[in-house]
């Protein structure tokens, strides 16, 4: 599992190298109220043409396996992941 904060280059490289991985978009100080789960290939979190920074106001926590992020959200943040409505179909992803 990797956390990207103020590291857009590293984040985009991780996503490119792990197209089947998962990304949690969250506040700089992760809160149970906002833990949005995306597939690494989701255009909403990797669109190269979108202006701005990816890891400034919000950070990204990434892992190749969903279970790692679910455990992090539960034990470290005290919350549950909220699936992106565009790229994550639901509980069947829990592998």
Protein backbone atom coordinates (compact mmCIF):
# COMPACT_ATOMS: atom_id res chain seq x y z
CA UNK A 1 0.00 0.00 0.00
CA UNK A 2 1.26 3.48 -0.89
CA UNK A 3 0.12 6.92 0.21
CA UNK A 4 0.64 9.85 -2.15
CA UNK A 5 0.63 13.35 -0.75
CA UNK A 6 2.10 16.25 -2.77
CA UNK A 7 3.50 13.69 -5.23
CA UNK A 8 1.50 13.80 -8.47
CA UNK A 9 4.33 12.30 -10.52
CA UNK A 10 4.69 9.32 -8.19
CA UNK A 11 0.93 8.83 -8.00
CA UNK A 12 0.41 8.86 -11.76
CA UNK A 13 3.36 6.47 -12.19
CA UNK A 14 1.84 4.08 -9.61
CA UNK A 15 -1.54 4.13 -11.36
CA UNK A 16 0.08 3.49 -14.74
CA UNK A 17 2.08 0.59 -13.30
CA UNK A 18 -0.93 -0.94 -11.49
CA UNK A 19 -3.90 -0.65 -13.89
CA UNK A 20 -5.77 -3.38 -12.00
CA UNK A 21 -5.14 -1.73 -8.61
CA UNK A 22 -7.33 0.42 -6.39
CA UNK A 23 -7.15 4.01 -5.17
CA UNK A 24 -8.81 5.73 -2.23
CA UNK A 25 -9.31 9.44 -2.63
CA UNK A 26 -9.49 11.08 0.80
CA UNK A 27 -8.79 14.25 2.73
CA UNK A 28 -5.20 15.01 3.75
CA UNK A 29 -6.18 13.88 7.24
CA UNK A 30 -8.29 10.84 6.30
CA UNK A 31 -11.77 10.90 7.78
CA UNK A 32 -14.42 8.16 7.89
CA UNK A 33 -16.78 10.63 6.20
CA UNK A 34 -14.82 10.72 2.92
CA UNK A 35 -13.05 7.58 1.71
CA UNK A 36 -13.92 7.17 -1.97
CA UNK A 37 -12.73 3.98 -3.65
CA UNK A 38 -11.78 3.98 -7.34
CA UNK A 39 -10.29 1.50 -9.75
CA UNK A 40 -6.81 2.70 -10.70
CA UNK A 41 -7.98 3.12 -14.28
CA UNK A 42 -10.87 5.46 -13.33
CA UNK A 43 -10.75 8.60 -15.46
CA UNK A 44 -12.06 10.68 -12.55
CA UNK A 45 -8.77 10.29 -10.69
CA UNK A 46 -6.26 10.02 -13.55
CA UNK A 47 -7.50 12.15 -16.44
CA UNK A 48 -4.34 13.72 -17.85
CA UNK A 49 -6.27 16.61 -19.39
CA UNK A 50 -7.87 17.63 -16.09
CA UNK A 51 -6.18 20.76 -14.72
CA UNK A 52 -4.92 20.94 -11.19
CA UNK A 53 -3.07 18.67 -8.85
CA UNK A 54 -3.97 15.11 -7.90
CA UNK A 55 -2.34 14.86 -4.48
CA UNK A 56 -2.58 18.37 -3.02
CA UNK A 57 -5.98 19.11 -1.47
CA UNK A 58 -6.83 15.42 -1.40
CA UNK A 59 -4.43 12.52 -1.12
CA UNK A 60 -4.45 9.08 -2.68
CA UNK A 61 -3.92 5.79 -0.87
CA UNK A 62 -3.22 3.02 -3.37
CA UNK A 63 -2.92 -0.76 -3.27
CA UNK A 64 -2.96 -3.62 -5.75
CA UNK A 65 -5.52 -5.51 -3.63
CA UNK A 66 -8.81 -4.11 -2.38
CA UNK A 67 -8.55 -5.98 0.93
CA UNK A 68 -5.51 -3.89 1.91
CA UNK A 69 -7.46 -0.66 1.51
CA UNK A 70 -10.52 -2.04 3.27
CA UNK A 71 -8.33 -2.99 6.25
CA UNK A 72 -6.63 0.42 6.27
CA UNK A 73 -9.97 2.23 6.19
CA UNK A 74 -11.34 0.12 9.02
CA UNK A 75 -8.33 0.02 11.36
CA UNK A 76 -6.48 3.28 10.63
CA UNK A 77 -9.36 5.62 9.81
CA UNK A 78 -12.31 3.92 11.48
CA UNK A 79 -14.50 3.99 8.38
CA UNK A 80 -15.64 2.13 5.30
CA UNK A 81 -14.80 2.73 1.67
CA UNK A 82 -17.46 4.43 -0.45
CA UNK A 83 -17.38 3.19 -4.07
CA UNK A 84 -17.05 5.61 -6.94
CA UNK A 85 -20.31 5.54 -8.87
CA UNK A 86 -18.46 5.56 -12.20
CA UNK A 87 -15.91 2.78 -11.88
CA UNK A 88 -16.65 0.43 -8.96
CA UNK A 89 -19.65 -1.85 -9.40
CA UNK A 90 -19.90 -2.91 -5.76
CA UNK A 91 -19.09 -5.56 -3.16
CA UNK A 92 -18.09 -8.22 -5.69
CA UNK A 93 -14.75 -6.38 -6.00
CA UNK A 94 -13.70 -7.41 -2.49
CA UNK A 95 -10.83 -9.74 -3.43
